[in-house]
Each structure stands twice: as structure tokens, then as C-alpha cells.
């Protein structure tokens, strides 16, 4: 089968497939890093909601690839009653748009955004996040 035949029937990954990439990316992160993420939930949505777009100062719904919401470890104290659990959101359509415009695999992109957003949980620098991402195994495409 020619490479063009593969693309002729290809469809964009759905929410479940992006979630599977995120799960694989998370599983490939160093054990010590993952242990510190206890309780952090990963969500995949097509787009951020309007409130998030406004809060983050986004011009379009495609401007935000991911987001950490919660109390990071750097600021953590007692969890307040009624406080939502720490969570990372990955946004499928902006991820796919970015992927289409750049020369990297979708698995690498999902890993990069996931590490960056979890890094906010830890209060890590960009250099720290780059080192963690480099330690992660290569993620295979679905």
C-alpha cells in the first residue's frame, strides 16, 4: 500500500485516542515524577470553555493546547474543603491544529504539553520540564 493510500482513509484522532496518547505519555514519564502526581487528573476536551479562554486572554479557541488547574505543590498546603482536584486539560482540536502546522509527531506533542502542564503543578522551570520530557520514553502513534 502506498503512503498516500494510508492518508486517504485516515481520520483525525478522537478524544479517546488523544486520551490514550496522554495516558501513554504519562506512563512513560520517570517513576519519581509520576509518584508526585498522585491525585492529578488528566482530561481531554475538544476546546477550552469560554470562561477559560477569557481568563487566559486567548484570542481564539485554538490558542491554548493545555492547562493546569489546581494548587501546585509549590503553593500547596492543606486542601481546602470543596476544592476541585488538581487537573490537567489537553485540548484536542488546538493540539491537532498545532500538529498539522509543525514537524513533530502527535505523541511527542502530547507528551510535551502534558509535561509542561504537570510541571506547573510542581512549580518547575522550563529547563526542569525539558529534562523530564527528555527522560520520557518515545511515545508511539496510535
C-alpha atoms as a PDB file:
ATOM      1  CA  UNK A   1       0.000   0.000   0.000  1.00  0.00           C
ATOM      2  CA  UNK A   2       1.382   3.431  -0.894  1.00  0.00           C
ATOM      3  CA  UNK A   3       1.810   6.117   1.784  1.00  0.00           C
ATOM      4  CA  UNK A   4      -0.885   8.243   0.118  1.00  0.00           C
ATOM      5  CA  UNK A   5      -3.336   5.344   0.409  1.00  0.00           C
ATOM      6  CA  UNK A   6      -2.798   5.345   4.200  1.00  0.00           C
ATOM      7  CA  UNK A   7      -3.800   9.009   4.382  1.00  0.00           C
ATOM      8  CA  UNK A   8      -6.717   8.644   2.001  1.00  0.00           C
ATOM      9  CA  UNK A   9      -8.754   6.881   4.671  1.00  0.00           C
ATOM     10  CA  UNK A  10      -7.141   8.442   7.748  1.00  0.00           C
ATOM     11  CA  UNK A  11      -9.275  10.316  10.271  1.00  0.00           C
ATOM     12  CA  UNK A  12      -8.239  12.760  12.948  1.00  0.00           C
ATOM     13  CA  UNK A  13      -7.761  11.139  16.357  1.00  0.00           C
ATOM     14  CA  UNK A  14     -10.850  11.439  18.548  1.00  0.00           C
ATOM     15  CA  UNK A  15     -10.966  12.359  22.246  1.00  0.00           C
ATOM     16  CA  UNK A  16     -10.389   8.751  23.344  1.00  0.00           C
ATOM     17  CA  UNK A  17      -7.325   8.413  21.106  1.00  0.00           C
ATOM     18  CA  UNK A  18      -5.801  11.647  22.431  1.00  0.00           C
ATOM     19  CA  UNK A  19      -6.556  10.438  25.958  1.00  0.00           C
ATOM     20  CA  UNK A  20      -4.761   7.157  25.146  1.00  0.00           C
ATOM     21  CA  UNK A  21      -1.734   9.159  23.923  1.00  0.00           C
ATOM     22  CA  UNK A  22      -1.810  11.189  27.150  1.00  0.00           C
ATOM     23  CA  UNK A  23      -2.036   8.017  29.258  1.00  0.00           C
ATOM     24  CA  UNK A  24       0.900   6.511  27.353  1.00  0.00           C
ATOM     25  CA  UNK A  25       2.881   9.742  27.745  1.00  0.00           C
ATOM     26  CA  UNK A  26       2.193   9.814  31.476  1.00  0.00           C
ATOM     27  CA  UNK A  27       3.163   6.149  31.858  1.00  0.00           C
ATOM     28  CA  UNK A  28       6.480   6.851  30.083  1.00  0.00           C
ATOM     29  CA  UNK A  29       7.483   9.626  32.492  1.00  0.00           C
ATOM     30  CA  UNK A  30      10.088   8.879  35.166  1.00  0.00           C
ATOM     31  CA  UNK A  31       8.642   6.977  38.158  1.00  0.00           C
ATOM     32  CA  UNK A  32       9.673   9.620  40.688  1.00  0.00           C
ATOM     33  CA  UNK A  33       7.842  12.284  38.684  1.00  0.00           C
ATOM     34  CA  UNK A  34       4.678  10.178  38.362  1.00  0.00           C
ATOM     35  CA  UNK A  35       4.616   9.361  42.093  1.00  0.00           C
ATOM     36  CA  UNK A  36       4.494  13.078  42.861  1.00  0.00           C
ATOM     37  CA  UNK A  37       1.458  13.430  40.563  1.00  0.00           C
ATOM     38  CA  UNK A  38      -0.850  11.399  42.797  1.00  0.00           C
ATOM     39  CA  UNK A  39      -4.322  12.847  42.526  1.00  0.00           C
ATOM     40  CA  UNK A  40      -3.652  14.914  39.380  1.00  0.00           C
ATOM     41  CA  UNK A  41      -6.353  14.075  36.863  1.00  0.00           C
ATOM     42  CA  UNK A  42      -5.907  14.295  33.105  1.00  0.00           C
ATOM     43  CA  UNK A  43      -8.853  15.433  30.990  1.00  0.00           C
ATOM     44  CA  UNK A  44      -9.143  15.766  27.226  1.00  0.00           C
ATOM     45  CA  UNK A  45     -11.684  18.134  25.682  1.00  0.00           C
ATOM     46  CA  UNK A  46     -12.074  19.410  22.151  1.00  0.00           C
ATOM     47  CA  UNK A  47     -11.637  23.060  23.197  1.00  0.00           C
ATOM     48  CA  UNK A  48     -11.301  25.145  26.349  1.00  0.00           C
ATOM     49  CA  UNK A  49     -14.565  26.651  27.551  1.00  0.00           C
ATOM     50  CA  UNK A  50     -15.321  30.353  27.068  1.00  0.00           C
ATOM     51  CA  UNK A  51     -14.536  31.196  30.707  1.00  0.00           C
ATOM     52  CA  UNK A  52     -11.079  29.644  30.396  1.00  0.00           C
ATOM     53  CA  UNK A  53     -10.385  31.398  27.101  1.00  0.00           C
ATOM     54  CA  UNK A  54     -11.306  34.743  28.660  1.00  0.00           C
ATOM     55  CA  UNK A  55      -9.326  34.073  31.849  1.00  0.00           C
ATOM     56  CA  UNK A  56      -6.227  33.084  29.880  1.00  0.00           C
ATOM     57  CA  UNK A  57      -6.519  36.053  27.482  1.00  0.00           C
ATOM     58  CA  UNK A  58      -6.812  33.852  24.397  1.00  0.00           C
ATOM     59  CA  UNK A  59      -7.785  35.455  21.113  1.00  0.00           C
ATOM     60  CA  UNK A  60      -9.145  32.210  19.650  1.00  0.00           C
ATOM     61  CA  UNK A  61     -10.144  28.766  20.883  1.00  0.00           C
ATOM     62  CA  UNK A  62      -7.003  27.411  19.174  1.00  0.00           C
ATOM     63  CA  UNK A  63      -4.582  29.440  21.332  1.00  0.00           C
ATOM     64  CA  UNK A  64      -4.498  27.046  24.300  1.00  0.00           C
ATOM     65  CA  UNK A  65      -3.131  23.494  23.932  1.00  0.00           C
ATOM     66  CA  UNK A  66      -3.339  22.541  27.599  1.00  0.00           C
ATOM     67  CA  UNK A  67      -3.944  23.908  31.074  1.00  0.00           C
ATOM     68  CA  UNK A  68      -3.194  23.024  34.695  1.00  0.00           C
ATOM     69  CA  UNK A  69      -5.870  23.927  37.225  1.00  0.00           C
ATOM     70  CA  UNK A  70      -5.430  23.486  40.927  1.00  0.00           C
ATOM     71  CA  UNK A  71      -2.995  24.180  43.693  1.00  0.00           C
ATOM     72  CA  UNK A  72       0.535  23.350  42.678  1.00  0.00           C
ATOM     73  CA  UNK A  73       2.935  21.598  45.031  1.00  0.00           C
ATOM     74  CA  UNK A  74       4.944  24.799  45.264  1.00  0.00           C
ATOM     75  CA  UNK A  75       1.897  26.564  46.779  1.00  0.00           C
ATOM     76  CA  UNK A  76       0.263  23.555  48.415  1.00  0.00           C
ATOM     77  CA  UNK A  77      -0.802  23.483  51.980  1.00  0.00           C
ATOM     78  CA  UNK A  78      -3.954  21.923  53.313  1.00  0.00           C
ATOM     79  CA  UNK A  79      -6.514  21.125  50.643  1.00  0.00           C
ATOM     80  CA  UNK A  80      -9.487  23.382  51.182  1.00  0.00           C
ATOM     81  CA  UNK A  81     -12.904  21.819  51.610  1.00  0.00           C
ATOM     82  CA  UNK A  82     -14.742  21.879  48.320  1.00  0.00           C
ATOM     83  CA  UNK A  83     -11.559  22.484  46.342  1.00  0.00           C
ATOM     84  CA  UNK A  84     -11.561  20.761  42.978  1.00  0.00           C
ATOM     85  CA  UNK A  85      -8.800  18.175  42.493  1.00  0.00           C
ATOM     86  CA  UNK A  86      -5.677  19.199  40.622  1.00  0.00           C
ATOM     87  CA  UNK A  87      -6.163  18.530  36.931  1.00  0.00           C
ATOM     88  CA  UNK A  88      -4.520  18.909  33.560  1.00  0.00           C
ATOM     89  CA  UNK A  89      -6.628  19.594  30.493  1.00  0.00           C
ATOM     90  CA  UNK A  90      -5.425  18.801  26.997  1.00  0.00           C
ATOM     91  CA  UNK A  91      -7.369  20.358  24.135  1.00  0.00           C
ATOM     92  CA  UNK A  92      -7.703  18.051  21.126  1.00  0.00           C
ATOM     93  CA  UNK A  93      -8.540  20.486  18.335  1.00  0.00           C
ATOM     94  CA  UNK A  94      -5.800  23.028  19.173  1.00  0.00           C
ATOM     95  CA  UNK A  95      -3.332  20.141  19.543  1.00  0.00           C
ATOM     96  CA  UNK A  96      -4.303  18.788  16.124  1.00  0.00           C
ATOM     97  CA  UNK A  97      -4.079  22.256  14.575  1.00  0.00           C
ATOM     98  CA  UNK A  98      -0.598  22.783  16.033  1.00  0.00           C
ATOM     99  CA  UNK A  99       0.455  19.275  14.946  1.00  0.00           C
ATOM    100  CA  UNK A 100      -0.674  19.951  11.357  1.00  0.00           C
ATOM    101  CA  UNK A 101       1.468  23.097  11.249  1.00  0.00           C
ATOM    102  CA  UNK A 102       4.682  21.666  12.735  1.00  0.00           C
ATOM    103  CA  UNK A 103       7.132  18.882  12.064  1.00  0.00           C
ATOM    104  CA  UNK A 104       6.759  16.658  15.116  1.00  0.00           C
ATOM    105  CA  UNK A 105       4.774  13.570  15.959  1.00  0.00           C
ATOM    106  CA  UNK A 106       1.436  13.855  17.710  1.00  0.00           C
ATOM    107  CA  UNK A 107       2.748  11.618  20.514  1.00  0.00           C
ATOM    108  CA  UNK A 108       5.692  13.965  21.088  1.00  0.00           C
ATOM    109  CA  UNK A 109       3.411  16.997  21.116  1.00  0.00           C
ATOM    110  CA  UNK A 110       1.001  15.440  23.629  1.00  0.00           C
ATOM    111  CA  UNK A 111       3.952  14.440  25.828  1.00  0.00           C
ATOM    112  CA  UNK A 112       5.399  17.947  25.642  1.00  0.00           C
ATOM    113  CA  UNK A 113       2.129  19.661  26.596  1.00  0.00           C
ATOM    114  CA  UNK A 114       1.387  17.129  29.339  1.00  0.00           C
ATOM    115  CA  UNK A 115       4.843  17.548  30.916  1.00  0.00           C
ATOM    116  CA  UNK A 116       4.570  21.330  30.654  1.00  0.00           C
ATOM    117  CA  UNK A 117       1.164  21.416  32.350  1.00  0.00           C
ATOM    118  CA  UNK A 118       2.139  18.926  35.065  1.00  0.00           C
ATOM    119  CA  UNK A 119       5.291  20.999  35.524  1.00  0.00           C
ATOM    120  CA  UNK A 120       3.055  23.858  36.645  1.00  0.00           C
ATOM    121  CA  UNK A 121       1.813  21.536  39.415  1.00  0.00           C
ATOM    122  CA  UNK A 122       5.402  21.296  40.654  1.00  0.00           C
ATOM    123  CA  UNK A 123       6.377  24.913  40.015  1.00  0.00           C
ATOM    124  CA  UNK A 124       9.161  23.708  37.710  1.00  0.00           C
ATOM    125  CA  UNK A 125      11.219  25.856  35.380  1.00  0.00           C
ATOM    126  CA  UNK A 126      11.173  25.338  31.618  1.00  0.00           C
ATOM    127  CA  UNK A 127      14.649  23.739  31.889  1.00  0.00           C
ATOM    128  CA  UNK A 128      13.383  21.286  34.539  1.00  0.00           C
ATOM    129  CA  UNK A 129      10.433  20.356  32.325  1.00  0.00           C
ATOM    130  CA  UNK A 130      12.691  19.869  29.295  1.00  0.00           C
ATOM    131  CA  UNK A 131      14.864  17.448  31.294  1.00  0.00           C
ATOM    132  CA  UNK A 132      11.825  15.430  32.425  1.00  0.00           C
ATOM    133  CA  UNK A 133      10.460  15.325  28.905  1.00  0.00           C
ATOM    134  CA  UNK A 134      13.840  14.138  27.607  1.00  0.00           C
ATOM    135  CA  UNK A 135      13.785  11.316  30.166  1.00  0.00           C
ATOM    136  CA  UNK A 136      10.402  10.086  28.960  1.00  0.00           C
ATOM    137  CA  UNK A 137      10.313   7.174  26.549  1.00  0.00           C
ATOM    138  CA  UNK A 138       9.411   7.848  22.931  1.00  0.00           C
ATOM    139  CA  UNK A 139       5.645   7.718  22.547  1.00  0.00           C
ATOM    140  CA  UNK A 140       4.350   5.721  19.594  1.00  0.00           C
ATOM    141  CA  UNK A 141       1.494   6.930  17.485  1.00  0.00           C
ATOM    142  CA  UNK A 142      -1.808   5.043  17.837  1.00  0.00           C
END
